[in-house]
Structure formats: structure tokens, C-alpha cells
PDB file of N, CA and C in Angstrom:
ATOM      1  N   ALA A   1       0.826  -1.202   0.000  1.00  0.00           N
ATOM      2  CA  ALA A   1       0.000   0.000   0.000  1.00  0.00           C
ATOM      3  C   ALA A   1       0.863   1.256   0.000  1.00  0.00           C
ATOM      4  N   ILE A   2       1.963   1.235   0.756  1.00  0.00           N
ATOM      5  CA  ILE A   2       2.850   2.405   0.808  1.00  0.00           C
ATOM      6  C   ILE A   2       3.506   2.609  -0.550  1.00  0.00           C
ATOM      7  N   GLU A   3       4.053   1.555  -1.102  1.00  0.00           N
ATOM      8  CA  GLU A   3       4.742   1.644  -2.395  1.00  0.00           C
ATOM      9  C   GLU A   3       3.781   1.931  -3.548  1.00  0.00           C
ATOM     10  N   GLN A   4       2.561   1.467  -3.439  1.00  0.00           N
ATOM     11  CA  GLN A   4       1.565   1.675  -4.493  1.00  0.00           C
ATOM     12  C   GLN A   4       0.846   3.024  -4.360  1.00  0.00           C
ATOM     13  N   ASP A   5       1.261   3.835  -3.391  1.00  0.00           N
ATOM     14  CA  ASP A   5       0.687   5.160  -3.145  1.00  0.00           C
ATOM     15  C   ASP A   5      -0.812   5.086  -2.831  1.00  0.00           C
ATOM     16  N   GLU A   6      -1.198   4.031  -2.105  1.00  0.00           N
ATOM     17  CA  GLU A   6      -2.589   3.873  -1.694  1.00  0.00           C
ATOM     18  C   GLU A   6      -2.860   4.544  -0.354  1.00  0.00           C
ATOM     19  N   ILE A   7      -1.808   4.947   0.349  1.00  0.00           N
ATOM     20  CA  ILE A   7      -1.965   5.654   1.614  1.00  0.00           C
ATOM     21  C   ILE A   7      -2.085   7.142   1.297  1.00  0.00           C
ATOM     22  N   LYS A   8      -3.197   7.722   1.674  1.00  0.00           N
ATOM     23  CA  LYS A   8      -3.462   9.135   1.418  1.00  0.00           C
ATOM     24  C   LYS A   8      -3.444   9.907   2.727  1.00  0.00           C
ATOM     25  N   ILE A   9      -3.186  11.198   2.617  1.00  0.00           N
ATOM     26  CA  ILE A   9      -3.196  12.074   3.784  1.00  0.00           C
ATOM     27  C   ILE A   9      -4.446  12.938   3.715  1.00  0.00           C
ATOM     28  N   VAL A  10      -5.195  12.955   4.805  1.00  0.00           N
ATOM     29  CA  VAL A  10      -6.313  13.877   4.943  1.00  0.00           C
ATOM     30  C   VAL A  10      -6.011  14.776   6.134  1.00  0.00           C
ATOM     31  N   PHE A  11      -6.530  15.980   6.096  1.00  0.00           N
ATOM     32  CA  PHE A  11      -6.253  16.946   7.148  1.00  0.00           C
ATOM     33  C   PHE A  11      -7.531  17.288   7.893  1.00  0.00           C
ATOM     34  N   GLN A  12      -7.474  17.088   9.203  1.00  0.00           N
ATOM     35  CA  GLN A  12      -8.592  17.432  10.076  1.00  0.00           C
ATOM     36  C   GLN A  12      -8.284  18.783  10.705  1.00  0.00           C
ATOM     37  N   PRO A  13      -9.185  19.746  10.609  1.00  0.00           N
ATOM     38  CA  PRO A  13      -8.894  21.062  11.188  1.00  0.00           C
ATOM     39  C   PRO A  13      -8.840  21.010  12.712  1.00  0.00           C
ATOM     40  N   LEU A  14      -7.952  21.813  13.269  1.00  0.00           N
ATOM     41  CA  LEU A  14      -7.857  22.010  14.717  1.00  0.00           C
ATOM     42  C   LEU A  14      -8.392  23.412  14.980  1.00  0.00           C
ATOM     43  N   ILE A  15      -9.476  23.485  15.733  1.00  0.00           N
ATOM     44  CA  ILE A  15     -10.192  24.741  15.920  1.00  0.00           C
ATOM     45  C   ILE A  15     -10.014  25.231  17.352  1.00  0.00           C
ATOM     46  N   ALA A  16      -9.668  26.505  17.493  1.00  0.00           N
ATOM     47  CA  ALA A  16      -9.501  27.114  18.809  1.00  0.00           C
ATOM     48  C   ALA A  16     -10.856  27.247  19.493  1.00  0.00           C
ATOM     49  N   ALA A  17     -10.928  26.803  20.734  1.00  0.00           N
ATOM     50  CA  ALA A  17     -12.173  26.874  21.489  1.00  0.00           C
ATOM     51  C   ALA A  17     -12.545  28.320  21.816  1.00  0.00           C
ATOM     52  N   THR A  18     -11.552  29.185  21.904  1.00  0.00           N
ATOM     53  CA  THR A  18     -11.812  30.571  22.309  1.00  0.00           C
ATOM     54  C   THR A  18     -12.510  31.398  21.238  1.00  0.00           C
ATOM     55  N   ASP A  19     -12.119  31.221  19.973  1.00  0.00           N
ATOM     56  CA  ASP A  19     -12.691  32.074  18.927  1.00  0.00           C
ATOM     57  C   ASP A  19     -13.214  31.306  17.704  1.00  0.00           C
ATOM     58  N   GLY A  20     -13.096  29.983  17.706  1.00  0.00           N
ATOM     59  CA  GLY A  20     -13.605  29.186  16.597  1.00  0.00           C
ATOM     60  C   GLY A  20     -12.760  29.230  15.337  1.00  0.00           C
ATOM     61  N   GLU A  21     -11.588  29.837  15.424  1.00  0.00           N
ATOM     62  CA  GLU A  21     -10.698  29.937  14.269  1.00  0.00           C
ATOM     63  C   GLU A  21      -9.918  28.638  14.079  1.00  0.00           C
ATOM     64  N   ILE A  22      -9.658  28.300  12.834  1.00  0.00           N
ATOM     65  CA  ILE A  22      -8.793  27.154  12.542  1.00  0.00           C
ATOM     66  C   ILE A  22      -7.353  27.617  12.751  1.00  0.00           C
ATOM     67  N   ASN A  23      -6.654  26.956  13.685  1.00  0.00           N
ATOM     68  CA  ASN A  23      -5.266  27.350  13.950  1.00  0.00           C
ATOM     69  C   ASN A  23      -4.272  26.259  13.587  1.00  0.00           C
ATOM     70  N   GLY A  24      -4.777  25.152  13.094  1.00  0.00           N
ATOM     71  CA  GLY A  24      -3.882  24.075  12.706  1.00  0.00           C
ATOM     72  C   GLY A  24      -4.655  22.930  12.077  1.00  0.00           C
ATOM     73  N   VAL A  25      -3.903  21.907  11.717  1.00  0.00           N
ATOM     74  CA  VAL A  25      -4.502  20.699  11.146  1.00  0.00           C
ATOM     75  C   VAL A  25      -3.790  19.476  11.712  1.00  0.00           C
ATOM     76  N   GLU A  26      -4.510  18.380  11.751  1.00  0.00           N
ATOM     77  CA  GLU A  26      -3.932  17.094  12.120  1.00  0.00           C
ATOM     78  C   GLU A  26      -3.885  16.236  10.865  1.00  0.00           C
ATOM     79  N   ALA A  27      -2.707  15.729  10.543  1.00  0.00           N
ATOM     80  CA  ALA A  27      -2.547  14.863   9.375  1.00  0.00           C
ATOM     81  C   ALA A  27      -2.958  13.444   9.757  1.00  0.00           C
ATOM     82  N   LEU A  28      -3.829  12.862   8.968  1.00  0.00           N
ATOM     83  CA  LEU A  28      -4.328  11.518   9.223  1.00  0.00           C
ATOM     84  C   LEU A  28      -4.076  10.628   8.008  1.00  0.00           C
ATOM     85  N   ALA A  29      -3.633   9.419   8.266  1.00  0.00           N
ATOM     86  CA  ALA A  29      -3.378   8.451   7.192  1.00  0.00           C
ATOM     87  C   ALA A  29      -4.664   7.705   6.864  1.00  0.00           C
ATOM     88  N   ARG A  30      -4.914   7.558   5.577  1.00  0.00           N
ATOM     89  CA  ARG A  30      -6.065   6.782   5.110  1.00  0.00           C
ATOM     90  C   ARG A  30      -5.599   5.851   4.007  1.00  0.00           C
ATOM     91  N   TRP A  31      -5.975   4.582   4.129  1.00  0.00           N
ATOM     92  CA  TRP A  31      -5.630   3.596   3.107  1.00  0.00           C
ATOM     93  C   TRP A  31      -6.827   3.444   2.185  1.00  0.00           C
ATOM     94  N   VAL A  32      -6.606   3.762   0.915  1.00  0.00           N
ATOM     95  CA  VAL A  32      -7.692   3.738  -0.064  1.00  0.00           C
ATOM     96  C   VAL A  32      -7.279   2.863  -1.253  1.00  0.00           C
ATOM     97  N   PRO A  33      -7.311   1.525  -1.070  1.00  0.00           N
ATOM     98  CA  PRO A  33      -7.014   0.635  -2.198  1.00  0.00           C
ATOM     99  C   PRO A  33      -8.205   0.582  -3.155  1.00  0.00           C
ATOM    100  N   PRO A  34      -8.009   0.021  -4.347  1.00  0.00           N
ATOM    101  CA  PRO A  34      -9.112  -0.082  -5.317  1.00  0.00           C
ATOM    102  C   PRO A  34     -10.329  -0.850  -4.782  1.00  0.00           C
ATOM    103  N   THR A  35     -10.111  -1.724  -3.807  1.00  0.00           N
ATOM    104  CA  THR A  35     -11.209  -2.539  -3.279  1.00  0.00           C
ATOM    105  C   THR A  35     -12.059  -1.821  -2.241  1.00  0.00           C
ATOM    106  N   GLY A  36     -11.634  -0.630  -1.796  1.00  0.00           N
ATOM    107  CA  GLY A  36     -12.392   0.135  -0.793  1.00  0.00           C
ATOM    108  C   GLY A  36     -11.532   0.501   0.392  1.00  0.00           C
ATOM    109  N   THR A  37     -11.949   1.507   1.103  1.00  0.00           N
ATOM    110  CA  THR A  37     -11.190   2.059   2.224  1.00  0.00           C
ATOM    111  C   THR A  37     -10.976   1.017   3.330  1.00  0.00           C
ATOM    112  N   VAL A  38      -9.744   1.029   3.895  1.00  0.00           N
ATOM    113  CA  VAL A  38      -9.399   0.167   5.031  1.00  0.00           C
ATOM    114  C   VAL A  38      -9.235   1.060   6.250  1.00  0.00           C
ATOM    115  N   SER A  39      -9.872   0.710   7.330  1.00  0.00           N
ATOM    116  CA  SER A  39      -9.849   1.510   8.550  1.00  0.00           C
ATOM    117  C   SER A  39      -8.437   1.609   9.135  1.00  0.00           C
ATOM    118  N   PRO A  40      -8.069   2.787   9.677  1.00  0.00           N
ATOM    119  CA  PRO A  40      -6.793   2.912  10.377  1.00  0.00           C
ATOM    120  C   PRO A  40      -6.686   1.950  11.570  1.00  0.00           C
ATOM    121  N   GLU A  41      -7.825   1.594  12.148  1.00  0.00           N
ATOM    122  CA  GLU A  41      -7.829   0.635  13.253  1.00  0.00           C
ATOM    123  C   GLU A  41      -7.342  -0.738  12.794  1.00  0.00           C
ATOM    124  N   VAL A  42      -7.380  -0.976  11.493  1.00  0.00           N
ATOM    125  CA  VAL A  42      -6.903  -2.237  10.922  1.00  0.00           C
ATOM    126  C   VAL A  42      -5.470  -2.089  10.436  1.00  0.00           C
ATOM    127  N   PHE A  43      -5.181  -1.051   9.620  1.00  0.00           N
ATOM    128  CA  PHE A  43      -3.870  -1.009   8.976  1.00  0.00           C
ATOM    129  C   PHE A  43      -2.748  -0.451   9.848  1.00  0.00           C
ATOM    130  N   ILE A  44      -3.043   0.368  10.832  1.00  0.00           N
ATOM    131  CA  ILE A  44      -1.970   0.870  11.709  1.00  0.00           C
ATOM    132  C   ILE A  44      -1.371  -0.277  12.535  1.00  0.00           C
ATOM    133  N   PRO A  45      -2.181  -1.102  13.226  1.00  0.00           N
ATOM    134  CA  PRO A  45      -1.596  -2.245  13.943  1.00  0.00           C
ATOM    135  C   PRO A  45      -0.847  -3.210  13.017  1.00  0.00           C
ATOM    136  N   LEU A  46      -1.341  -3.384  11.789  1.00  0.00           N
ATOM    137  CA  LEU A  46      -0.635  -4.255  10.846  1.00  0.00           C
ATOM    138  C   LEU A  46       0.733  -3.668  10.486  1.00  0.00           C
ATOM    139  N   ALA A  47       0.787  -2.358  10.288  1.00  0.00           N
ATOM    140  CA  ALA A  47       2.067  -1.702   9.984  1.00  0.00           C
ATOM    141  C   ALA A  47       3.029  -1.840  11.155  1.00  0.00           C
ATOM    142  N   GLU A  48       2.514  -1.721  12.374  1.00  0.00           N
ATOM    143  CA  GLU A  48       3.364  -1.876  13.559  1.00  0.00           C
ATOM    144  C   GLU A  48       3.908  -3.295  13.658  1.00  0.00           C
ATOM    145  N   LYS A  49       3.046  -4.283  13.484  1.00  0.00           N
ATOM    146  CA  LYS A  49       3.457  -5.681  13.618  1.00  0.00           C
ATOM    147  C   LYS A  49       4.393  -6.126  12.499  1.00  0.00           C
ATOM    148  N   SER A  50       4.241  -5.549  11.309  1.00  0.00           N
ATOM    149  CA  SER A  50       5.046  -5.990  10.165  1.00  0.00           C
ATOM    150  C   SER A  50       6.351  -5.209  10.005  1.00  0.00           C
ATOM    151  N   GLY A  51       6.569  -4.212  10.886  1.00  0.00           N
ATOM    152  CA  GLY A  51       7.793  -3.426  10.791  1.00  0.00           C
ATOM    153  C   GLY A  51       7.735  -2.306   9.759  1.00  0.00           C
ATOM    154  N   LEU A  52       6.535  -1.992   9.270  1.00  0.00           N
ATOM    155  CA  LEU A  52       6.385  -0.948   8.261  1.00  0.00           C
ATOM    156  C   LEU A  52       5.918   0.390   8.824  1.00  0.00           C
ATOM    157  N   ILE A  53       5.784   0.481  10.144  1.00  0.00           N
ATOM    158  CA  ILE A  53       5.255   1.706  10.737  1.00  0.00           C
ATOM    159  C   ILE A  53       6.184   2.902  10.497  1.00  0.00           C
ATOM    160  N   GLU A  54       7.490   2.675  10.488  1.00  0.00           N
ATOM    161  CA  GLU A  54       8.416   3.792  10.238  1.00  0.00           C
ATOM    162  C   GLU A  54       8.266   4.329   8.820  1.00  0.00           C
ATOM    163  N   ALA A  55       8.137   3.441   7.843  1.00  0.00           N
ATOM    164  CA  ALA A  55       7.945   3.871   6.455  1.00  0.00           C
ATOM    165  C   ALA A  55       6.609   4.603   6.305  1.00  0.00           C
ATOM    166  N   LEU A  56       5.585   4.121   6.967  1.00  0.00           N
ATOM    167  CA  LEU A  56       4.282   4.762   6.912  1.00  0.00           C
ATOM    168  C   LEU A  56       4.331   6.152   7.546  1.00  0.00           C
ATOM    169  N   THR A  57       4.933   6.244   8.714  1.00  0.00           N
ATOM    170  CA  THR A  57       5.044   7.535   9.404  1.00  0.00           C
ATOM    171  C   THR A  57       5.863   8.519   8.576  1.00  0.00           C
ATOM    172  N   ARG A  58       6.944   8.058   7.993  1.00  0.00           N
ATOM    173  CA  ARG A  58       7.790   8.922   7.155  1.00  0.00           C
ATOM    174  C   ARG A  58       6.985   9.479   5.981  1.00  0.00           C
ATOM    175  N   LYS A  59       6.196   8.622   5.323  1.00  0.00           N
ATOM    176  CA  LYS A  59       5.384   9.061   4.192  1.00  0.00           C
ATOM    177  C   LYS A  59       4.389  10.131   4.628  1.00  0.00           C
ATOM    178  N   ILE A  60       3.710   9.909   5.741  1.00  0.00           N
ATOM    179  CA  ILE A  60       2.711  10.863   6.220  1.00  0.00           C
ATOM    180  C   ILE A  60       3.376  12.158   6.674  1.00  0.00           C
ATOM    181  N   LEU A  61       4.474  12.049   7.392  1.00  0.00           N
ATOM    182  CA  LEU A  61       5.163  13.243   7.894  1.00  0.00           C
ATOM    183  C   LEU A  61       5.690  14.105   6.745  1.00  0.00           C
ATOM    184  N   LEU A  62       6.420  13.503   5.824  1.00  0.00           N
ATOM    185  CA  LEU A  62       6.977  14.270   4.712  1.00  0.00           C
ATOM    186  C   LEU A  62       5.886  14.850   3.809  1.00  0.00           C
ATOM    187  N   GLY A  63       4.887  14.062   3.509  1.00  0.00           N
ATOM    188  CA  GLY A  63       3.795  14.539   2.656  1.00  0.00           C
ATOM    189  C   GLY A  63       3.007  15.668   3.302  1.00  0.00           C
ATOM    190  N   SER A  64       2.768  15.557   4.598  1.00  0.00           N
ATOM    191  CA  SER A  64       2.000  16.600   5.273  1.00  0.00           C
ATOM    192  C   SER A  64       2.819  17.885   5.417  1.00  0.00           C
ATOM    193  N   ILE A  65       4.115  17.763   5.663  1.00  0.00           N
ATOM    194  CA  ILE A  65       4.968  18.953   5.743  1.00  0.00           C
ATOM    195  C   ILE A  65       4.986  19.665   4.395  1.00  0.00           C
ATOM    196  N   ARG A  66       5.123  18.915   3.314  1.00  0.00           N
ATOM    197  CA  ARG A  66       5.105  19.524   1.970  1.00  0.00           C
ATOM    198  C   ARG A  66       3.810  20.292   1.722  1.00  0.00           C
ATOM    199  N   THR A  67       2.701  19.679   2.093  1.00  0.00           N
ATOM    200  CA  THR A  67       1.402  20.303   1.845  1.00  0.00           C
ATOM    201  C   THR A  67       1.187  21.533   2.725  1.00  0.00           C
ATOM    202  N   VAL A  68       1.436  21.400   4.009  1.00  0.00           N
ATOM    203  CA  VAL A  68       1.130  22.465   4.968  1.00  0.00           C
ATOM    204  C   VAL A  68       2.116  23.632   4.872  1.00  0.00           C
ATOM    205  N   SER A  69       3.294  23.387   4.346  1.00  0.00           N
ATOM    206  CA  SER A  69       4.313  24.450   4.304  1.00  0.00           C
ATOM    207  C   SER A  69       3.857  25.674   3.516  1.00  0.00           C
ATOM    208  N   CYS A  70       2.937  25.509   2.594  1.00  0.00           N
ATOM    209  CA  CYS A  70       2.462  26.661   1.814  1.00  0.00           C
ATOM    210  C   CYS A  70       1.198  27.285   2.426  1.00  0.00           C
ATOM    211  N   TRP A  71       0.701  26.720   3.517  1.00  0.00           N
ATOM    212  CA  TRP A  71      -0.474  27.289   4.174  1.00  0.00           C
ATOM    213  C   TRP A  71      -0.006  28.275   5.226  1.00  0.00           C
ATOM    214  N   GLN A  72      -0.563  29.436   5.266  1.00  0.00           N
ATOM    215  CA  GLN A  72      -0.159  30.495   6.189  1.00  0.00           C
ATOM    216  C   GLN A  72      -0.590  30.177   7.630  1.00  0.00           C
ATOM    217  N   SER A  73       0.322  30.330   8.563  1.00  0.00           N
ATOM    218  CA  SER A  73       0.065  30.311  10.012  1.00  0.00           C
ATOM    219  C   SER A  73      -0.746  29.136  10.543  1.00  0.00           C
ATOM    220  N   LEU A  74      -0.538  27.957  10.041  1.00  0.00           N
ATOM    221  CA  LEU A  74      -1.222  26.788  10.581  1.00  0.00           C
ATOM    222  C   LEU A  74      -0.213  25.844  11.212  1.00  0.00           C
ATOM    223  N   GLU A  75      -0.553  25.344  12.394  1.00  0.00           N
ATOM    224  CA  GLU A  75       0.271  24.339  13.043  1.00  0.00           C
ATOM    225  C   GLU A  75      -0.091  22.966  12.487  1.00  0.00           C
ATOM    226  N   LEU A  76       0.874  22.060  12.536  1.00  0.00           N
ATOM    227  CA  LEU A  76       0.676  20.708  12.033  1.00  0.00           C
ATOM    228  C   LEU A  76       0.854  19.712  13.164  1.00  0.00           C
ATOM    229  N   SER A  77      -0.092  18.806  13.290  1.00  0.00           N
ATOM    230  CA  SER A  77       0.012  17.693  14.229  1.00  0.00           C
ATOM    231  C   SER A  77       0.048  16.394  13.443  1.00  0.00           C
ATOM    232  N   VAL A  78       0.928  15.495  13.859  1.00  0.00           N
ATOM    233  CA  VAL A  78       1.035  14.177  13.229  1.00  0.00           C
ATOM    234  C   VAL A  78       1.136  13.145  14.342  1.00  0.00           C
ATOM    235  N   ASN A  79       0.328  12.106  14.259  1.00  0.00           N
ATOM    236  CA  ASN A  79       0.385  11.049  15.253  1.00  0.00           C
ATOM    237  C   ASN A  79       1.624  10.179  15.051  1.00  0.00           C
ATOM    238  N   VAL A  80       2.162   9.720  16.165  1.00  0.00           N
ATOM    239  CA  VAL A  80       3.318   8.828  16.148  1.00  0.00           C
ATOM    240  C   VAL A  80       2.957   7.560  16.894  1.00  0.00           C
ATOM    241  N   SER A  81       3.358   6.434  16.374  1.00  0.00           N
ATOM    242  CA  SER A  81       3.068   5.151  17.004  1.00  0.00           C
ATOM    243  C   SER A  81       3.843   5.016  18.320  1.00  0.00           C
ATOM    244  N   PRO A  82       3.203   4.498  19.364  1.00  0.00           N
ATOM    245  CA  PRO A  82       3.912   4.248  20.626  1.00  0.00           C
ATOM    246  C   PRO A  82       5.123   3.321  20.432  1.00  0.00           C
ATOM    247  N   ILE A  83       5.051   2.442  19.451  1.00  0.00           N
ATOM    248  CA  ILE A  83       6.164   1.544  19.167  1.00  0.00           C
ATOM    249  C   ILE A  83       7.397   2.343  18.743  1.00  0.00           C
ATOM    250  N   GLN A  84       7.187   3.394  17.965  1.00  0.00           N
ATOM    251  CA  GLN A  84       8.312   4.235  17.542  1.00  0.00           C
ATOM    252  C   GLN A  84       8.899   4.992  18.732  1.00  0.00           C
ATOM    253  N   LEU A  85       8.080   5.399  19.657  1.00  0.00           N
ATOM    254  CA  LEU A  85       8.574   6.117  20.828  1.00  0.00           C
ATOM    255  C   LEU A  85       9.400   5.218  21.749  1.00  0.00           C
ATOM    256  N   CYS A  86       9.044   3.933  21.776  1.00  0.00           N
ATOM    257  CA  CYS A  86       9.796   2.987  22.615  1.00  0.00           C
ATOM    258  C   CYS A  86      11.181   2.768  22.029  1.00  0.00           C
TER     259      CYS A  86
END
């Protein structure tokens, strides 16, 4: 899925509670193969168990930085697997 470019990045807005303004985005990985969307609850644990979580995280991190870098004044959040932190 990573090599076939089936992992897509979607951005969820992060909204300030004080004024309702969008002050950032959270990058989320979505697997969209030709057969239909696969839930992150399924493919993230598989990536962790198969040793592909670093490649997946790298793809999401680099792709989201490229995209967000041209957006004015928005913070970027990216989830990291607990396995990578260990």
C-alpha cells in the first residue's frame, strides 16, 4: 500500500475553542485501495506488527509537511506510534 501510493493524507482542522478559528490541522493516514477504504484501526496495527510503521510515518510526515508548508500560520500535528517512541 505504501509503495503503491494507496496511503493518502487527509487533514482534520484544529479549531480554537476561544474564537472558533482554525489554527492548525492534524494529518491523518487513510488507506484507499481499489477494493475500498481500510480503517486505520486495521492497517496501523498491521504496519506496527510488520515493521512498516516507520515507512508509513515517514510518508505521512513528509507529505503533510510539503502540503502544509504553503499554508499560512497553521500548526501541524502528526500522530506517532507508541512503538516508535519505545
